[in-house]
């Protein structure tokens, strides 16, 4: 109970409230797993976005706007228990569900598939992506942590968090042998997931990697502090053929 209240803040919504002219139910209304935004021209690949711990996928339309311009199809994956989806979120369930989403997207669209994880989503992406490396071209991790217990210790320094947190979201361990390119974005003034935890994850990575610290950014305002060239750099790094 303590962990669920600390990590997960789902917001429920009906399917009709999250779909729009730009965001269609994916893969279909009757089998909803998220939303999809298709680019206007040639499709270069598919990016699956796993959002943070609050709200729902419909709140992340900005990913579609930014990445469609680069020719990427964007799937805004929804978690069990969030938005229109039934269920209750926990680490095992979210990671298993993410693997199903990755498998389905790869089967539908083929390569390349990129995974984008924001905060909690970065932990989900690290775990799920590490188990499906043959289906993944690379990872973009936004405001990630190294291990969840370090985030908990930052917020609750007086508590024995190592014993209280039963879900680990240990991205360092999950990505130890990943080998695919990873782009890490750190918010300089993050007071939710301190920048040092994202930097620790980056330093632990063994494969092709790049890190960008967004100056003056907090955990939730980074999107207003990056521009089109930032997105081009990140996606260009992940889709460079020699790296993926």
C-alpha atoms as a PDB file:
ATOM      1  CA  UNK A   1       0.000   0.000   0.000  1.00  0.00           C
ATOM      2  CA  UNK A   2       2.825   2.409   0.901  1.00  0.00           C
ATOM      3  CA  UNK A   3       4.570   1.778  -2.410  1.00  0.00           C
ATOM      4  CA  UNK A   4       1.417   2.147  -4.484  1.00  0.00           C
ATOM      5  CA  UNK A   5       0.655   5.515  -2.888  1.00  0.00           C
ATOM      6  CA  UNK A   6       4.235   6.642  -3.413  1.00  0.00           C
ATOM      7  CA  UNK A   7       4.546   5.612  -7.060  1.00  0.00           C
ATOM      8  CA  UNK A   8       1.219   5.427  -8.876  1.00  0.00           C
ATOM      9  CA  UNK A   9      -1.221   8.287  -9.405  1.00  0.00           C
ATOM     10  CA  UNK A  10      -3.548   7.035 -12.168  1.00  0.00           C
ATOM     11  CA  UNK A  11      -6.310   9.153 -13.629  1.00  0.00           C
ATOM     12  CA  UNK A  12      -9.265   7.341 -15.124  1.00  0.00           C
ATOM     13  CA  UNK A  13     -10.941   8.476 -18.351  1.00  0.00           C
ATOM     14  CA  UNK A  14     -13.331   7.021 -20.910  1.00  0.00           C
ATOM     15  CA  UNK A  15     -11.971   6.091 -24.340  1.00  0.00           C
ATOM     16  CA  UNK A  16     -14.180   8.731 -25.909  1.00  0.00           C
ATOM     17  CA  UNK A  17     -12.460  11.359 -23.776  1.00  0.00           C
ATOM     18  CA  UNK A  18      -8.913  10.512 -24.865  1.00  0.00           C
ATOM     19  CA  UNK A  19      -9.278   9.890 -28.616  1.00  0.00           C
ATOM     20  CA  UNK A  20      -9.324  12.851 -31.013  1.00  0.00           C
ATOM     21  CA  UNK A  21      -8.736  13.769 -34.638  1.00  0.00           C
ATOM     22  CA  UNK A  22      -4.989  13.362 -34.066  1.00  0.00           C
ATOM     23  CA  UNK A  23      -4.999  10.493 -31.565  1.00  0.00           C
ATOM     24  CA  UNK A  24      -6.733   7.233 -32.490  1.00  0.00           C
ATOM     25  CA  UNK A  25      -7.367   4.279 -30.183  1.00  0.00           C
ATOM     26  CA  UNK A  26      -4.634   1.661 -30.555  1.00  0.00           C
ATOM     27  CA  UNK A  27      -4.749  -1.036 -31.703  1.00  0.00           C
ATOM     28  CA  UNK A  28      -8.557  -0.571 -31.750  1.00  0.00           C
ATOM     29  CA  UNK A  29     -11.390   0.799 -29.611  1.00  0.00           C
ATOM     30  CA  UNK A  30     -12.392  -2.681 -28.418  1.00  0.00           C
ATOM     31  CA  UNK A  31      -8.807  -3.706 -27.549  1.00  0.00           C
ATOM     32  CA  UNK A  32      -7.478  -0.400 -26.241  1.00  0.00           C
ATOM     33  CA  UNK A  33      -3.818  -0.337 -25.178  1.00  0.00           C
ATOM     34  CA  UNK A  34      -3.101   3.309 -25.928  1.00  0.00           C
ATOM     35  CA  UNK A  35      -3.280   6.018 -28.571  1.00  0.00           C
ATOM     36  CA  UNK A  36      -1.540   6.366 -31.918  1.00  0.00           C
ATOM     37  CA  UNK A  37      -0.561   9.449 -33.901  1.00  0.00           C
ATOM     38  CA  UNK A  38       0.498   8.882 -37.514  1.00  0.00           C
ATOM     39  CA  UNK A  39       2.864  11.245 -39.384  1.00  0.00           C
ATOM     40  CA  UNK A  40       1.614  12.975 -42.515  1.00  0.00           C
ATOM     41  CA  UNK A  41       4.360  11.682 -44.812  1.00  0.00           C
ATOM     42  CA  UNK A  42       6.733   8.738 -45.015  1.00  0.00           C
ATOM     43  CA  UNK A  43       7.019   6.720 -41.805  1.00  0.00           C
ATOM     44  CA  UNK A  44      10.614   6.206 -40.614  1.00  0.00           C
ATOM     45  CA  UNK A  45       9.735   4.019 -37.663  1.00  0.00           C
ATOM     46  CA  UNK A  46       7.600   3.658 -34.570  1.00  0.00           C
ATOM     47  CA  UNK A  47       8.154   5.263 -31.164  1.00  0.00           C
ATOM     48  CA  UNK A  48       6.309   3.815 -28.173  1.00  0.00           C
ATOM     49  CA  UNK A  49       5.980   6.269 -25.294  1.00  0.00           C
ATOM     50  CA  UNK A  50       5.512   5.076 -21.709  1.00  0.00           C
ATOM     51  CA  UNK A  51       4.440   8.039 -19.615  1.00  0.00           C
ATOM     52  CA  UNK A  52       5.088   9.104 -16.024  1.00  0.00           C
ATOM     53  CA  UNK A  53       3.221   8.020 -12.935  1.00  0.00           C
ATOM     54  CA  UNK A  54       0.374  10.568 -13.030  1.00  0.00           C
ATOM     55  CA  UNK A  55      -2.531  11.257 -15.371  1.00  0.00           C
ATOM     56  CA  UNK A  56      -3.029   9.114 -18.466  1.00  0.00           C
ATOM     57  CA  UNK A  57      -1.701   8.701 -22.005  1.00  0.00           C
ATOM     58  CA  UNK A  58      -4.083  11.305 -23.398  1.00  0.00           C
ATOM     59  CA  UNK A  59      -2.135  13.978 -21.518  1.00  0.00           C
ATOM     60  CA  UNK A  60       1.005  13.255 -23.581  1.00  0.00           C
ATOM     61  CA  UNK A  61      -0.141  14.424 -27.023  1.00  0.00           C
ATOM     62  CA  UNK A  62       2.976  16.624 -27.243  1.00  0.00           C
ATOM     63  CA  UNK A  63       5.061  13.532 -28.043  1.00  0.00           C
ATOM     64  CA  UNK A  64       3.000  12.971 -31.166  1.00  0.00           C
ATOM     65  CA  UNK A  65       3.390  16.584 -32.218  1.00  0.00           C
ATOM     66  CA  UNK A  66       7.184  16.532 -31.793  1.00  0.00           C
ATOM     67  CA  UNK A  67       7.900  13.095 -33.228  1.00  0.00           C
ATOM     68  CA  UNK A  68       5.426  13.053 -36.115  1.00  0.00           C
ATOM     69  CA  UNK A  69       7.461  15.929 -37.584  1.00  0.00           C
ATOM     70  CA  UNK A  70      10.448  13.572 -37.661  1.00  0.00           C
ATOM     71  CA  UNK A  71       8.490  10.900 -39.521  1.00  0.00           C
ATOM     72  CA  UNK A  72       7.815   8.685 -36.535  1.00  0.00           C
ATOM     73  CA  UNK A  73       4.547   6.938 -35.793  1.00  0.00           C
ATOM     74  CA  UNK A  74       3.882   7.524 -32.099  1.00  0.00           C
ATOM     75  CA  UNK A  75       2.097   5.079 -29.811  1.00  0.00           C
ATOM     76  CA  UNK A  76       1.201   6.546 -26.429  1.00  0.00           C
ATOM     77  CA  UNK A  77       1.058   3.355 -24.387  1.00  0.00           C
ATOM     78  CA  UNK A  78      -1.426   3.201 -21.535  1.00  0.00           C
ATOM     79  CA  UNK A  79      -0.861   1.330 -18.292  1.00  0.00           C
ATOM     80  CA  UNK A  80      -3.299  -1.072 -16.648  1.00  0.00           C
ATOM     81  CA  UNK A  81      -5.437   0.934 -14.248  1.00  0.00           C
ATOM     82  CA  UNK A  82      -4.876   4.221 -16.084  1.00  0.00           C
ATOM     83  CA  UNK A  83      -7.188   6.025 -18.505  1.00  0.00           C
ATOM     84  CA  UNK A  84      -9.763   3.609 -19.945  1.00  0.00           C
ATOM     85  CA  UNK A  85      -7.838   0.465 -18.998  1.00  0.00           C
ATOM     86  CA  UNK A  86      -8.842  -1.871 -16.203  1.00  0.00           C
ATOM     87  CA  UNK A  87      -6.413  -3.304 -13.672  1.00  0.00           C
ATOM     88  CA  UNK A  88      -4.096  -2.190 -10.898  1.00  0.00           C
ATOM     89  CA  UNK A  89      -0.541  -0.974 -11.534  1.00  0.00           C
ATOM     90  CA  UNK A  90       2.485  -2.718 -10.090  1.00  0.00           C
ATOM     91  CA  UNK A  91       5.993  -3.319 -11.405  1.00  0.00           C
ATOM     92  CA  UNK A  92       5.503  -6.881 -12.608  1.00  0.00           C
ATOM     93  CA  UNK A  93       2.202  -6.078 -14.312  1.00  0.00           C
ATOM     94  CA  UNK A  94       3.387  -2.890 -16.006  1.00  0.00           C
ATOM     95  CA  UNK A  95       6.532  -4.512 -17.360  1.00  0.00           C
ATOM     96  CA  UNK A  96       4.652  -7.579 -18.645  1.00  0.00           C
ATOM     97  CA  UNK A  97       2.043  -5.342 -20.256  1.00  0.00           C
ATOM     98  CA  UNK A  98       4.764  -3.202 -21.872  1.00  0.00           C
ATOM     99  CA  UNK A  99       6.343  -6.293 -23.394  1.00  0.00           C
ATOM    100  CA  UNK A 100       2.986  -7.199 -24.936  1.00  0.00           C
ATOM    101  CA  UNK A 101       2.697  -3.695 -26.386  1.00  0.00           C
ATOM    102  CA  UNK A 102       6.221  -3.904 -27.830  1.00  0.00           C
ATOM    103  CA  UNK A 103       5.516  -7.309 -29.368  1.00  0.00           C
ATOM    104  CA  UNK A 104       2.262  -6.092 -30.892  1.00  0.00           C
ATOM    105  CA  UNK A 105       3.809  -2.922 -32.340  1.00  0.00           C
ATOM    106  CA  UNK A 106       6.735  -4.864 -33.778  1.00  0.00           C
ATOM    107  CA  UNK A 107       4.365  -7.388 -35.346  1.00  0.00           C
ATOM    108  CA  UNK A 108       2.164  -4.664 -36.849  1.00  0.00           C
ATOM    109  CA  UNK A 109       4.817  -2.273 -38.096  1.00  0.00           C
ATOM    110  CA  UNK A 110       8.216  -3.957 -38.076  1.00  0.00           C
ATOM    111  CA  UNK A 111      11.513  -2.218 -37.377  1.00  0.00           C
ATOM    112  CA  UNK A 112      12.714   0.192 -36.251  1.00  0.00           C
ATOM    113  CA  UNK A 113      10.934   0.514 -32.903  1.00  0.00           C
ATOM    114  CA  UNK A 114      12.109   3.059 -30.345  1.00  0.00           C
ATOM    115  CA  UNK A 115      11.039   3.094 -26.708  1.00  0.00           C
ATOM    116  CA  UNK A 116      10.599   6.390 -24.880  1.00  0.00           C
ATOM    117  CA  UNK A 117      10.157   6.339 -21.120  1.00  0.00           C
ATOM    118  CA  UNK A 118       9.359   9.345 -18.948  1.00  0.00           C
ATOM    119  CA  UNK A 119      10.125   9.096 -15.206  1.00  0.00           C
ATOM    120  CA  UNK A 120       8.235   5.948 -14.102  1.00  0.00           C
ATOM    121  CA  UNK A 121       8.035   5.071 -17.787  1.00  0.00           C
ATOM    122  CA  UNK A 122      11.828   5.062 -17.989  1.00  0.00           C
ATOM    123  CA  UNK A 123      11.870   2.325 -15.365  1.00  0.00           C
ATOM    124  CA  UNK A 124       9.232   0.368 -17.281  1.00  0.00           C
ATOM    125  CA  UNK A 125      11.128   0.836 -20.555  1.00  0.00           C
ATOM    126  CA  UNK A 126      14.445  -0.259 -19.047  1.00  0.00           C
ATOM    127  CA  UNK A 127      12.925  -3.490 -17.749  1.00  0.00           C
ATOM    128  CA  UNK A 128      10.745  -4.322 -20.755  1.00  0.00           C
ATOM    129  CA  UNK A 129      13.271  -3.244 -23.376  1.00  0.00           C
ATOM    130  CA  UNK A 130      16.039  -5.299 -21.820  1.00  0.00           C
ATOM    131  CA  UNK A 131      13.908  -8.414 -22.317  1.00  0.00           C
ATOM    132  CA  UNK A 132      13.064  -7.610 -25.951  1.00  0.00           C
ATOM    133  CA  UNK A 133      16.391  -6.264 -27.331  1.00  0.00           C
ATOM    134  CA  UNK A 134      15.917  -7.881 -30.732  1.00  0.00           C
ATOM    135  CA  UNK A 135      12.784  -5.771 -31.268  1.00  0.00           C
ATOM    136  CA  UNK A 136      14.242  -2.449 -30.095  1.00  0.00           C
ATOM    137  CA  UNK A 137      16.447   0.028 -31.970  1.00  0.00           C
ATOM    138  CA  UNK A 138      17.116   2.194 -28.920  1.00  0.00           C
ATOM    139  CA  UNK A 139      15.801   3.891 -25.787  1.00  0.00           C
ATOM    140  CA  UNK A 140      15.124   7.514 -24.927  1.00  0.00           C
ATOM    141  CA  UNK A 141      14.969   7.836 -21.139  1.00  0.00           C
ATOM    142  CA  UNK A 142      13.553  11.123 -19.835  1.00  0.00           C
ATOM    143  CA  UNK A 143      14.158  12.148 -16.197  1.00  0.00           C
ATOM    144  CA  UNK A 144      15.054   8.555 -15.245  1.00  0.00           C
ATOM    145  CA  UNK A 145      16.399   7.115 -12.018  1.00  0.00           C
ATOM    146  CA  UNK A 146      19.018   4.438 -11.473  1.00  0.00           C
ATOM    147  CA  UNK A 147      17.109   2.519  -8.776  1.00  0.00           C
ATOM    148  CA  UNK A 148      13.717   3.358  -7.306  1.00  0.00           C
ATOM    149  CA  UNK A 149      14.936   2.970  -3.739  1.00  0.00           C
ATOM    150  CA  UNK A 150      17.241   5.959  -4.270  1.00  0.00           C
ATOM    151  CA  UNK A 151      14.267   8.132  -5.240  1.00  0.00           C
ATOM    152  CA  UNK A 152      12.390   6.920  -2.173  1.00  0.00           C
ATOM    153  CA  UNK A 153      15.390   7.630   0.064  1.00  0.00           C
ATOM    154  CA  UNK A 154      15.593  11.180  -1.309  1.00  0.00           C
ATOM    155  CA  UNK A 155      11.960  11.896  -0.435  1.00  0.00           C
ATOM    156  CA  UNK A 156      11.827   9.890   2.801  1.00  0.00           C
ATOM    157  CA  UNK A 157      15.355  10.032   4.288  1.00  0.00           C
ATOM    158  CA  UNK A 158      14.018   8.980   7.706  1.00  0.00           C
ATOM    159  CA  UNK A 159      12.373   5.756   6.457  1.00  0.00           C
ATOM    160  CA  UNK A 160      13.957   2.306   5.914  1.00  0.00           C
ATOM    161  CA  UNK A 161      12.987   2.485   2.247  1.00  0.00           C
ATOM    162  CA  UNK A 162      15.202  -0.422   1.204  1.00  0.00           C
ATOM    163  CA  UNK A 163      12.874  -2.716   3.135  1.00  0.00           C
ATOM    164  CA  UNK A 164       9.620  -0.912   2.341  1.00  0.00           C
ATOM    165  CA  UNK A 165       9.981  -0.709  -1.448  1.00  0.00           C
ATOM    166  CA  UNK A 166       9.188  -4.170  -2.776  1.00  0.00           C
ATOM    167  CA  UNK A 167       9.200  -3.067  -6.443  1.00  0.00           C
ATOM    168  CA  UNK A 168      12.756  -2.199  -7.455  1.00  0.00           C
ATOM    169  CA  UNK A 169      12.615  -0.716 -10.950  1.00  0.00           C
ATOM    170  CA  UNK A 170      16.385  -1.276 -11.005  1.00  0.00           C
ATOM    171  CA  UNK A 171      17.289   0.272 -14.356  1.00  0.00           C
ATOM    172  CA  UNK A 172      21.023  -0.148 -13.797  1.00  0.00           C
ATOM    173  CA  UNK A 173      20.631  -3.917 -13.491  1.00  0.00           C
ATOM    174  CA  UNK A 174      18.111  -4.162 -16.319  1.00  0.00           C
ATOM    175  CA  UNK A 175      20.286  -2.298 -18.811  1.00  0.00           C
ATOM    176  CA  UNK A 176      23.637  -3.798 -17.795  1.00  0.00           C
ATOM    177  CA  UNK A 177      23.773  -5.982 -20.917  1.00  0.00           C
ATOM    178  CA  UNK A 178      21.297  -4.150 -23.165  1.00  0.00           C
ATOM    179  CA  UNK A 179      23.840  -3.099 -25.778  1.00  0.00           C
ATOM    180  CA  UNK A 180      21.509  -0.889 -27.826  1.00  0.00           C
ATOM    181  CA  UNK A 181      21.870   2.911 -27.974  1.00  0.00           C
ATOM    182  CA  UNK A 182      20.413   4.824 -25.036  1.00  0.00           C
ATOM    183  CA  UNK A 183      19.814   8.585 -24.927  1.00  0.00           C
ATOM    184  CA  UNK A 184      19.360   9.961 -21.394  1.00  0.00           C
ATOM    185  CA  UNK A 185      17.710  13.309 -20.677  1.00  0.00           C
ATOM    186  CA  UNK A 186      18.273  14.826 -17.232  1.00  0.00           C
ATOM    187  CA  UNK A 187      16.420  17.859 -15.858  1.00  0.00           C
ATOM    188  CA  UNK A 188      18.994  20.044 -14.120  1.00  0.00           C
ATOM    189  CA  UNK A 189      16.741  21.246 -11.271  1.00  0.00           C
ATOM    190  CA  UNK A 190      14.630  18.137 -10.858  1.00  0.00           C
ATOM    191  CA  UNK A 191      13.205  17.920  -7.339  1.00  0.00           C
ATOM    192  CA  UNK A 192      11.220  14.727  -7.995  1.00  0.00           C
ATOM    193  CA  UNK A 193      13.972  12.532  -9.463  1.00  0.00           C
ATOM    194  CA  UNK A 194      17.241  14.331  -8.662  1.00  0.00           C
ATOM    195  CA  UNK A 195      19.558  14.868 -11.616  1.00  0.00           C
ATOM    196  CA  UNK A 196      22.310  12.842  -9.947  1.00  0.00           C
ATOM    197  CA  UNK A 197      20.178   9.688 -10.216  1.00  0.00           C
ATOM    198  CA  UNK A 198      19.783  10.084 -13.977  1.00  0.00           C
ATOM    199  CA  UNK A 199      23.498  10.762 -14.273  1.00  0.00           C
ATOM    200  CA  UNK A 200      24.243   7.642 -12.213  1.00  0.00           C
ATOM    201  CA  UNK A 201      22.173   5.570 -14.622  1.00  0.00           C
ATOM    202  CA  UNK A 202      23.962   7.089 -17.608  1.00  0.00           C
ATOM    203  CA  UNK A 203      27.385   6.394 -16.081  1.00  0.00           C
ATOM    204  CA  UNK A 204      26.430   2.759 -15.504  1.00  0.00           C
ATOM    205  CA  UNK A 205      25.453   2.118 -19.131  1.00  0.00           C
ATOM    206  CA  UNK A 206      27.886   0.034 -21.151  1.00  0.00           C
ATOM    207  CA  UNK A 207      26.593   0.367 -24.725  1.00  0.00           C
ATOM    208  CA  UNK A 208      26.310   3.367 -27.064  1.00  0.00           C
ATOM    209  CA  UNK A 209      24.998   6.264 -25.010  1.00  0.00           C
ATOM    210  CA  UNK A 210      24.475   9.998 -24.905  1.00  0.00           C
ATOM    211  CA  UNK A 211      23.280  12.311 -22.151  1.00  0.00           C
ATOM    212  CA  UNK A 212      21.755  15.783 -22.309  1.00  0.00           C
ATOM    213  CA  UNK A 213      21.150  17.928 -19.247  1.00  0.00           C
ATOM    214  CA  UNK A 214      18.316  20.374 -19.837  1.00  0.00           C
ATOM    215  CA  UNK A 215      19.362  23.544 -18.040  1.00  0.00           C
ATOM    216  CA  UNK A 216      16.987  25.086 -15.487  1.00  0.00           C
ATOM    217  CA  UNK A 217      14.433  22.328 -16.138  1.00  0.00           C
ATOM    218  CA  UNK A 218      12.305  20.790 -13.418  1.00  0.00           C
ATOM    219  CA  UNK A 219      10.767  17.330 -13.535  1.00  0.00           C
ATOM    220  CA  UNK A 220       7.564  18.397 -15.265  1.00  0.00           C
ATOM    221  CA  UNK A 221       8.479  21.506 -17.270  1.00  0.00           C
ATOM    222  CA  UNK A 222      11.256  20.081 -19.442  1.00  0.00           C
ATOM    223  CA  UNK A 223       8.998  19.861 -22.507  1.00  0.00           C
ATOM    224  CA  UNK A 224       8.915  23.656 -22.702  1.00  0.00           C
ATOM    225  CA  UNK A 225      12.710  23.828 -22.589  1.00  0.00           C
ATOM    226  CA  UNK A 226      13.583  21.580 -25.543  1.00  0.00           C
ATOM    227  CA  UNK A 227      13.134  22.478 -29.196  1.00  0.00           C
ATOM    228  CA  UNK A 228      12.950  20.715 -32.563  1.00  0.00           C
ATOM    229  CA  UNK A 229      16.740  20.468 -32.828  1.00  0.00           C
ATOM    230  CA  UNK A 230      16.865  18.661 -29.479  1.00  0.00           C
ATOM    231  CA  UNK A 231      14.396  16.051 -30.720  1.00  0.00           C
ATOM    232  CA  UNK A 232      16.326  15.670 -33.997  1.00  0.00           C
ATOM    233  CA  UNK A 233      19.556  15.078 -32.104  1.00  0.00           C
ATOM    234  CA  UNK A 234      18.027  12.486 -29.783  1.00  0.00           C
ATOM    235  CA  UNK A 235      16.206  10.531 -32.502  1.00  0.00           C
ATOM    236  CA  UNK A 236      19.143  10.851 -34.897  1.00  0.00           C
ATOM    237  CA  UNK A 237      21.441   9.275 -32.320  1.00  0.00           C
ATOM    238  CA  UNK A 238      19.070   6.376 -31.713  1.00  0.00           C
ATOM    239  CA  UNK A 239      18.387   5.684 -35.398  1.00  0.00           C
ATOM    240  CA  UNK A 240      21.959   5.865 -36.670  1.00  0.00           C
ATOM    241  CA  UNK A 241      22.304   2.519 -38.511  1.00  0.00           C
ATOM    242  CA  UNK A 242      25.807   1.786 -37.226  1.00  0.00           C
ATOM    243  CA  UNK A 243      24.547   2.088 -33.640  1.00  0.00           C
ATOM    244  CA  UNK A 244      21.328   0.089 -33.901  1.00  0.00           C
END
